[in-house]
């Protein structure tokens, strides 16, 4: 947690670091703070694929190991919905570009 917080001090645009902090907060039982950090990370994403790799996959692994992780399933659902929505928007944009 300390290293991630320090990393953000130097570069506040590191989406994966926000996701890491969110995961640590979930493990600490601080699900409201974790949700905020995941939201912060989504705002800093450079690529939608990073959401899957850096947030969704890691949280899914954590939930496999600890299904009782308070707030984890809800945050995972939020992340997956955002990933699906953004992926559809990108696919639509690419389809529009290809048809012109």
Protein backbone atom coordinates (compact mmCIF):
# COMPACT_ATOMS: atom_id res chain seq x y z
CA UNK A 1 0.00 0.00 0.00
CA UNK A 2 2.79 2.37 0.95
CA UNK A 3 4.74 1.75 -2.26
CA UNK A 4 1.65 2.25 -4.42
CA UNK A 5 0.72 5.47 -2.65
CA UNK A 6 4.28 6.71 -3.10
CA UNK A 7 4.18 5.82 -6.81
CA UNK A 8 1.06 7.95 -7.26
CA UNK A 9 2.83 10.85 -5.63
CA UNK A 10 5.34 10.78 -8.48
CA UNK A 11 2.83 10.02 -11.24
CA UNK A 12 -0.89 10.33 -10.43
CA UNK A 13 -1.86 8.90 -13.83
CA UNK A 14 -0.90 5.27 -13.18
CA UNK A 15 -4.19 3.39 -13.51
CA UNK A 16 -2.74 0.00 -12.46
CA UNK A 17 -1.55 1.52 -9.18
CA UNK A 18 -5.08 2.69 -8.35
CA UNK A 19 -6.31 -0.84 -9.05
CA UNK A 20 -3.62 -2.31 -6.79
CA UNK A 21 -4.61 0.05 -3.98
CA UNK A 22 -8.25 -0.89 -4.52
CA UNK A 23 -7.42 -4.56 -4.20
CA UNK A 24 -5.44 -3.99 -1.00
CA UNK A 25 -8.32 -1.97 0.44
CA UNK A 26 -10.73 -4.80 -0.37
CA UNK A 27 -8.53 -7.23 1.51
CA UNK A 28 -8.56 -4.79 4.43
CA UNK A 29 -12.37 -4.76 4.42
CA UNK A 30 -12.57 -1.16 3.23
CA UNK A 31 -14.83 -1.75 0.23
CA UNK A 32 -16.16 1.83 -0.15
CA UNK A 33 -12.61 3.18 -0.40
CA UNK A 34 -11.70 0.34 -2.75
CA UNK A 35 -14.57 1.21 -5.10
CA UNK A 36 -13.32 4.81 -5.20
CA UNK A 37 -9.81 3.71 -6.09
CA UNK A 38 -11.10 1.43 -8.84
CA UNK A 39 -13.13 4.35 -10.19
CA UNK A 40 -10.06 6.59 -10.03
CA UNK A 41 -8.12 3.98 -11.98
CA UNK A 42 -10.80 3.76 -14.67
CA UNK A 43 -10.52 7.52 -15.14
CA UNK A 44 -6.77 7.18 -15.74
CA UNK A 45 -6.86 4.28 -18.23
CA UNK A 46 -4.72 4.60 -21.32
CA UNK A 47 -6.26 1.53 -23.02
CA UNK A 48 -9.39 -0.47 -22.32
CA UNK A 49 -7.33 -3.68 -22.36
CA UNK A 50 -5.53 -2.45 -19.25
CA UNK A 51 -8.84 -2.54 -17.39
CA UNK A 52 -9.16 -6.26 -18.11
CA UNK A 53 -5.56 -7.13 -17.39
CA UNK A 54 -4.81 -4.83 -14.44
CA UNK A 55 -8.17 -4.77 -12.67
CA UNK A 56 -10.66 -7.43 -13.76
CA UNK A 57 -8.28 -10.39 -13.96
CA UNK A 58 -6.59 -9.58 -10.64
CA UNK A 59 -9.87 -9.05 -8.82
CA UNK A 60 -11.32 -12.25 -10.30
CA UNK A 61 -8.26 -14.16 -9.02
CA UNK A 62 -8.67 -12.61 -5.57
CA UNK A 63 -12.34 -13.59 -5.48
CA UNK A 64 -11.48 -17.14 -6.51
CA UNK A 65 -9.16 -17.37 -3.51
CA UNK A 66 -11.52 -15.49 -1.18
CA UNK A 67 -15.15 -15.47 -2.42
CA UNK A 68 -16.22 -13.68 0.77
CA UNK A 69 -14.18 -10.57 -0.08
CA UNK A 70 -16.68 -7.91 0.97
CA UNK A 71 -17.64 -5.68 -1.96
CA UNK A 72 -15.43 -7.59 -4.37
CA UNK A 73 -18.18 -9.16 -6.47
CA UNK A 74 -19.97 -5.84 -6.87
CA UNK A 75 -16.79 -4.04 -7.89
CA UNK A 76 -15.95 -6.84 -10.32
CA UNK A 77 -19.39 -6.48 -11.89
CA UNK A 78 -18.89 -2.70 -12.18
CA UNK A 79 -15.51 -3.21 -13.87
CA UNK A 80 -16.85 -5.83 -16.26
CA UNK A 81 -19.77 -3.59 -17.24
CA UNK A 82 -17.41 -0.70 -17.93
CA UNK A 83 -15.12 -2.97 -19.94
CA UNK A 84 -18.05 -4.28 -22.04
CA UNK A 85 -19.44 -0.77 -22.59
CA UNK A 86 -16.10 0.70 -23.61
CA UNK A 87 -15.31 -2.28 -25.83
CA UNK A 88 -18.65 -1.87 -27.63
CA UNK A 89 -17.99 1.84 -28.13
CA UNK A 90 -14.59 1.11 -29.61
CA UNK A 91 -15.99 -1.62 -31.87
CA UNK A 92 -18.71 0.76 -33.06
CA UNK A 93 -16.15 3.48 -33.74
CA UNK A 94 -13.95 1.11 -35.70
CA UNK A 95 -16.96 -0.13 -37.67
CA UNK A 96 -17.92 3.44 -38.53
CA UNK A 97 -14.38 4.23 -39.61
CA UNK A 98 -14.18 1.15 -41.81
CA UNK A 99 -17.46 1.95 -43.55
CA UNK A 100 -16.31 5.44 -44.56
